[in-house]
Amino acid sequence: MGTYAAPVLYAVLLWWFSTGLILLLDHAPRRTHPWSMAGATLLLAGALVAIRSSAADTSATGAYTAFTAALVVWGWQEMSYYMGFLSGPRPVACAPSVRGLDRFLAALATSLWHEFAIVVGGLAILALVWGSPNRFALWTYGTLVVMNLSARLNLFLGVRNLHAEFLPDHLGYLACYLSRKPMNLLFPVSVSLGTIAAALLGRAALGADLLEHELIGFTVLATLTALATLEHWFLMLPLPSAELWRWSLPARAPGEAAGPPDHV
């Protein structure tokens, strides 16, 4: 089992630290955001180069590089949205009377350019790994896209915990697109499929005659999927999940409320 301990620990620590770092930068004063975004863009360029070079690398280093670079690409997507550089044609609150499909379309209009950027990022990674043996950058990015979309839809449909402290103040207008409910019909489907996917990836990691990059790649993917499923449970269960990233969140005065986030 020691073979699997290192990639599991790496995935958990990278997930925890990268989430906290992005939260820290998003909550920093607005004057710092252009500098943060410029640095993230330089990292994005390096990550794309790393994805291309790792695509032909079937060693453990190739798997770790692909996984890490894909997380950097995803981090750029998150920062560009939460810092307000890439949102949508109507990044404003909706009227209280808006319901149903109109509310969904209004919510989509707050992040449409962000959604397009996510698709472009996926296509860029697909082109970089096309025809190569190491495609774990693409699978990692795809996992993040699907689980992120699932979490956002669950928040839109209604969950118990909105995790208000995760949302930067300048995105407070998103509050009207979220609902607090004890349950929604999508949630059981989301956590069931996430659990099945994590189990299948874990089983693949235990397969015989795996190449080195496959063993590492399937292990970190299984771990990432399990963590993303855990994040879904954070939306429903009374767990102090924000304490995991308390170091990255701004201190608030007693009784001060924050707007809810659009996703975990």
Protein backbone atom coordinates (compact mmCIF):
# COMPACT_ATOMS: atom_id res chain seq x y z
CA MET A 1 0.00 0.00 0.00
CA GLY A 2 2.99 2.30 0.32
CA THR A 3 2.96 2.61 -3.47
CA TYR A 4 -0.39 4.38 -3.27
CA ALA A 5 0.22 6.45 -0.14
CA ALA A 6 2.43 9.03 -1.85
CA PRO A 7 0.04 9.92 -4.73
CA VAL A 8 -2.96 9.97 -2.36
CA LEU A 9 -1.17 12.30 0.04
CA TYR A 10 0.05 14.46 -2.84
CA ALA A 11 -3.47 14.85 -4.26
CA VAL A 12 -4.96 15.70 -0.85
CA LEU A 13 -2.31 18.27 0.02
CA LEU A 14 -2.39 19.89 -3.41
CA TRP A 15 -6.21 20.07 -3.32
CA TRP A 16 -6.17 21.62 0.16
CA PHE A 17 -3.34 24.10 -0.45
CA SER A 18 -4.41 25.22 -3.94
CA THR A 19 -7.99 25.81 -2.75
CA GLY A 20 -6.75 27.85 0.18
CA LEU A 21 -4.32 29.86 -1.94
CA ILE A 22 -7.04 30.80 -4.43
CA LEU A 23 -9.38 31.79 -1.59
CA LEU A 24 -6.62 33.89 -0.06
CA LEU A 25 -5.93 35.73 -3.33
CA ASP A 26 -9.64 36.17 -4.13
CA HIS A 27 -10.29 37.79 -0.73
CA ALA A 28 -7.24 40.05 -0.96
CA PRO A 29 -7.86 43.77 -1.65
CA ARG A 30 -9.12 44.45 -5.15
CA ARG A 31 -5.99 46.43 -6.02
CA THR A 32 -3.98 43.22 -5.77
CA HIS A 33 -6.13 41.24 -8.22
CA PRO A 34 -4.47 42.44 -11.45
CA TRP A 35 -1.07 41.41 -10.08
CA SER A 36 -2.40 38.06 -8.90
CA MET A 37 -4.02 37.45 -12.28
CA ALA A 38 -0.83 38.37 -14.11
CA GLY A 39 1.12 35.87 -12.03
CA ALA A 40 -1.55 33.22 -12.58
CA THR A 41 -1.37 33.81 -16.33
CA LEU A 42 2.37 33.21 -16.32
CA LEU A 43 1.75 29.97 -14.41
CA LEU A 44 -0.95 29.08 -16.94
CA ALA A 45 1.52 29.40 -19.80
CA GLY A 46 4.01 27.22 -17.94
CA ALA A 47 1.30 24.67 -17.16
CA LEU A 48 0.33 24.33 -20.82
CA VAL A 49 3.98 23.76 -21.73
CA ALA A 50 4.21 21.17 -18.95
CA ILE A 51 1.08 19.39 -20.19
CA ARG A 52 2.56 19.15 -23.66
CA SER A 53 5.91 17.83 -22.41
CA SER A 54 4.32 15.35 -19.99
CA ALA A 55 1.98 13.90 -22.60
CA ALA A 56 4.73 11.61 -23.88
CA ASP A 57 6.16 10.87 -20.43
CA THR A 58 5.01 7.53 -19.02
CA SER A 59 7.00 7.81 -15.80
CA ALA A 60 5.72 8.78 -12.36
CA THR A 61 7.06 12.28 -12.96
CA GLY A 62 4.91 12.54 -16.08
CA ALA A 63 1.76 11.64 -14.12
CA TYR A 64 2.48 14.09 -11.31
CA THR A 65 3.33 16.83 -13.81
CA ALA A 66 0.14 16.27 -15.81
CA PHE A 67 -2.03 16.29 -12.68
CA THR A 68 -0.40 19.40 -11.23
CA ALA A 69 -0.46 21.34 -14.51
CA ALA A 70 -4.16 20.58 -15.01
CA LEU A 71 -4.89 21.95 -11.53
CA VAL A 72 -2.98 25.12 -12.42
CA VAL A 73 -5.11 25.56 -15.57
CA TRP A 74 -8.25 25.07 -13.48
CA GLY A 75 -6.96 27.49 -10.85
CA TRP A 76 -6.58 30.16 -13.53
CA GLN A 77 -10.20 29.62 -14.56
CA GLU A 78 -11.39 30.00 -10.98
CA MET A 79 -9.32 33.11 -10.29
CA SER A 80 -10.39 34.83 -13.50
CA TYR A 81 -14.03 34.37 -12.50
CA TYR A 82 -13.88 35.11 -8.78
CA MET A 83 -11.73 38.18 -9.33
CA GLY A 84 -14.22 39.49 -11.88
CA PHE A 85 -12.00 39.43 -14.96
CA LEU A 86 -14.03 36.81 -16.85
CA SER A 87 -17.64 36.54 -15.79
CA GLY A 88 -20.58 37.01 -18.14
CA PRO A 89 -22.70 39.52 -20.07
CA ARG A 90 -24.89 40.31 -17.03
CA PRO A 91 -22.95 39.96 -13.76
CA VAL A 92 -25.79 41.43 -11.68
CA ALA A 93 -28.36 40.24 -9.17
CA CYS A 94 -31.71 38.95 -10.37
CA ALA A 95 -35.08 40.44 -9.48
CA PRO A 96 -36.88 38.67 -6.62
CA SER A 97 -39.76 37.84 -8.96
CA VAL A 98 -37.59 35.85 -11.40
CA ARG A 99 -38.27 32.12 -11.15
CA GLY A 100 -37.76 28.84 -12.99
CA LEU A 101 -36.05 28.87 -16.37
CA ASP A 102 -35.70 32.67 -16.37
CA ARG A 103 -33.76 32.48 -13.10
CA PHE A 104 -31.49 29.78 -14.53
CA LEU A 105 -30.81 31.83 -17.68
CA ALA A 106 -30.11 34.90 -15.56
CA ALA A 107 -27.66 32.86 -13.48
CA LEU A 108 -25.98 31.61 -16.65
CA ALA A 109 -25.60 35.19 -17.87
CA THR A 110 -23.50 36.00 -14.81
CA SER A 111 -20.82 33.48 -15.83
CA LEU A 112 -21.24 32.76 -19.57
CA TRP A 113 -17.76 33.97 -20.58
CA HIS A 114 -16.34 31.90 -17.74
CA GLU A 115 -18.11 28.81 -19.10
CA PHE A 116 -16.72 29.47 -22.58
CA ALA A 117 -13.22 29.83 -21.11
CA ILE A 118 -13.59 26.45 -19.38
CA VAL A 119 -14.49 24.84 -22.72
CA VAL A 120 -11.55 26.55 -24.46
CA GLY A 121 -9.22 25.34 -21.72
CA GLY A 122 -10.43 21.78 -22.18
CA LEU A 123 -9.99 21.94 -25.94
CA ALA A 124 -6.47 23.32 -25.50
CA ILE A 125 -5.50 20.43 -23.23
CA LEU A 126 -7.13 17.95 -25.60
CA ALA A 127 -5.02 19.31 -28.47
CA LEU A 128 -1.84 19.15 -26.35
CA VAL A 129 -2.27 15.49 -25.37
CA TRP A 130 -3.84 14.24 -28.62
CA GLY A 131 -2.31 10.95 -29.71
CA SER A 132 -0.04 10.76 -26.65
CA PRO A 133 0.05 7.99 -24.04
CA ASN A 134 -0.24 10.25 -20.98
CA ARG A 135 -3.66 11.91 -21.03
CA PHE A 136 -4.06 12.38 -17.29
CA ALA A 137 -3.98 16.18 -17.60
CA LEU A 138 -7.14 15.94 -19.72
CA TRP A 139 -8.83 13.49 -17.33
CA THR A 140 -7.95 15.67 -14.34
CA TYR A 141 -9.31 18.81 -15.97
CA GLY A 142 -12.44 16.96 -17.07
CA THR A 143 -13.03 15.69 -13.53
CA LEU A 144 -12.76 19.22 -12.15
CA VAL A 145 -15.16 20.57 -14.78
CA VAL A 146 -17.84 17.92 -14.18
CA MET A 147 -17.69 18.01 -10.38
CA ASN A 148 -17.62 21.80 -10.33
CA LEU A 149 -20.68 21.96 -12.56
CA SER A 150 -22.47 19.46 -10.34
CA ALA A 151 -21.72 21.49 -7.20
CA ARG A 152 -22.93 24.72 -8.81
CA LEU A 153 -26.17 23.12 -9.97
CA ASN A 154 -26.76 21.74 -6.49
CA LEU A 155 -26.26 25.21 -5.00
CA PHE A 156 -28.69 26.64 -7.53
CA LEU A 157 -31.31 23.97 -6.78
CA GLY A 158 -30.88 24.18 -3.02
CA VAL A 159 -28.58 22.85 -0.28
CA ARG A 160 -28.34 23.17 3.49
CA ASN A 161 -24.97 24.94 3.64
CA LEU A 162 -24.16 27.85 1.33
CA HIS A 163 -20.68 28.43 2.83
CA ALA A 164 -21.06 32.20 2.85
CA GLU A 165 -17.49 32.82 3.98
CA PHE A 166 -16.06 31.50 0.70
CA LEU A 167 -17.58 34.28 -1.42
CA PRO A 168 -15.60 37.52 -1.98
CA ASP A 169 -17.63 40.62 -1.14
CA HIS A 170 -17.65 41.87 -4.73
CA LEU A 171 -19.61 38.77 -5.80
CA GLY A 172 -22.43 39.27 -3.32
CA TYR A 173 -24.91 39.64 -6.19
CA LEU A 174 -24.74 35.85 -6.69
CA ALA A 175 -26.73 35.30 -3.49
CA CYS A 176 -30.07 35.61 -5.28
CA TYR A 177 -29.23 32.64 -7.52
CA LEU A 178 -28.75 30.23 -4.63
CA SER A 179 -31.27 28.38 -2.50
CA ARG A 180 -31.19 26.93 0.98
CA LYS A 181 -33.11 23.65 1.13
CA PRO A 182 -32.80 20.43 3.12
CA MET A 183 -32.40 18.46 -0.15
CA ASN A 184 -32.75 18.65 -3.92
CA LEU A 185 -33.32 15.88 -6.44
CA LEU A 186 -29.89 16.23 -8.05
CA PHE A 187 -27.84 15.80 -4.87
CA PRO A 188 -28.30 12.01 -4.40
CA VAL A 189 -27.46 11.49 -8.06
CA SER A 190 -24.34 13.67 -7.77
CA VAL A 191 -22.88 11.94 -4.73
CA SER A 192 -23.81 8.47 -5.99
CA LEU A 193 -22.13 8.99 -9.37
CA GLY A 194 -19.14 10.66 -7.71
CA THR A 195 -18.71 7.72 -5.35
CA ILE A 196 -19.01 5.20 -8.19
CA ALA A 197 -16.50 7.12 -10.30
CA ALA A 198 -14.01 7.27 -7.41
CA ALA A 199 -14.42 3.54 -6.80
CA LEU A 200 -13.93 2.68 -10.47
CA LEU A 201 -10.81 4.85 -10.68
CA GLY A 202 -9.50 3.26 -7.50
CA ARG A 203 -10.11 -0.17 -8.98
CA ALA A 204 -8.25 0.86 -12.13
CA ALA A 205 -5.31 1.97 -9.98
CA LEU A 206 -5.18 -1.51 -8.43
CA GLY A 207 -5.06 -3.23 -11.83
CA ALA A 208 -2.27 -5.50 -12.91
CA ASP A 209 0.46 -4.64 -15.43
CA LEU A 210 -0.05 -0.89 -15.14
CA LEU A 211 2.59 1.46 -16.45
CA GLU A 212 4.11 3.75 -13.84
CA HIS A 213 2.19 6.84 -15.00
CA GLU A 214 -1.07 4.87 -15.04
CA LEU A 215 -0.74 3.71 -11.44
CA ILE A 216 0.02 7.23 -10.23
CA GLY A 217 -2.51 8.85 -12.56
CA PHE A 218 -5.45 6.64 -11.61
CA THR A 219 -4.60 6.99 -7.93
CA VAL A 220 -4.55 10.80 -7.93
CA LEU A 221 -7.70 10.89 -10.07
CA ALA A 222 -9.53 8.55 -7.68
CA THR A 223 -8.43 10.72 -4.77
CA LEU A 224 -9.48 13.94 -6.50
CA THR A 225 -12.90 12.48 -7.35
CA ALA A 226 -13.37 11.33 -3.76
CA LEU A 227 -12.45 14.80 -2.50
CA ALA A 228 -14.87 16.45 -4.93
CA THR A 229 -17.61 14.10 -3.71
CA LEU A 230 -16.71 15.03 -0.14
CA GLU A 231 -17.12 18.69 -1.08
CA HIS A 232 -20.66 17.85 -2.20
CA TRP A 233 -21.35 16.37 1.24
CA PHE A 234 -20.04 19.60 2.78
CA LEU A 235 -23.05 21.28 1.14
CA MET A 236 -25.49 19.13 3.12
CA LEU A 237 -23.90 17.81 6.31
CA PRO A 238 -23.41 19.99 9.43
CA LEU A 239 -19.63 19.87 9.23
CA PRO A 240 -17.30 22.85 9.89
CA SER A 241 -15.68 22.46 6.47
CA ALA A 242 -14.61 26.11 6.34
CA GLU A 243 -12.16 25.40 9.14
CA LEU A 244 -10.02 23.51 6.60
CA TRP A 245 -9.21 26.85 4.97
CA ARG A 246 -9.62 29.25 7.88
CA TRP A 247 -6.04 30.41 7.31
CA SER A 248 -6.98 31.73 3.88
CA LEU A 249 -10.26 33.48 4.76
CA PRO A 250 -10.49 37.07 6.00
CA ALA A 251 -11.36 37.68 9.64
CA ARG A 252 -14.88 39.00 10.11
CA ALA A 253 -16.33 40.98 12.95
CA PRO A 254 -18.67 39.07 15.28
CA GLY A 255 -22.12 38.84 13.76
CA GLU A 256 -20.95 40.03 10.36
CA ALA A 257 -22.63 38.14 7.55
CA ALA A 258 -21.20 37.29 4.20
CA GLY A 259 -22.87 36.50 0.94
CA PRO A 260 -23.00 32.88 -0.14
CA PRO A 261 -20.70 31.45 -2.82
CA ASP A 262 -21.74 30.11 -6.20
CA HIS A 263 -19.88 26.84 -5.56
CA VAL A 264 -17.43 25.16 -3.28
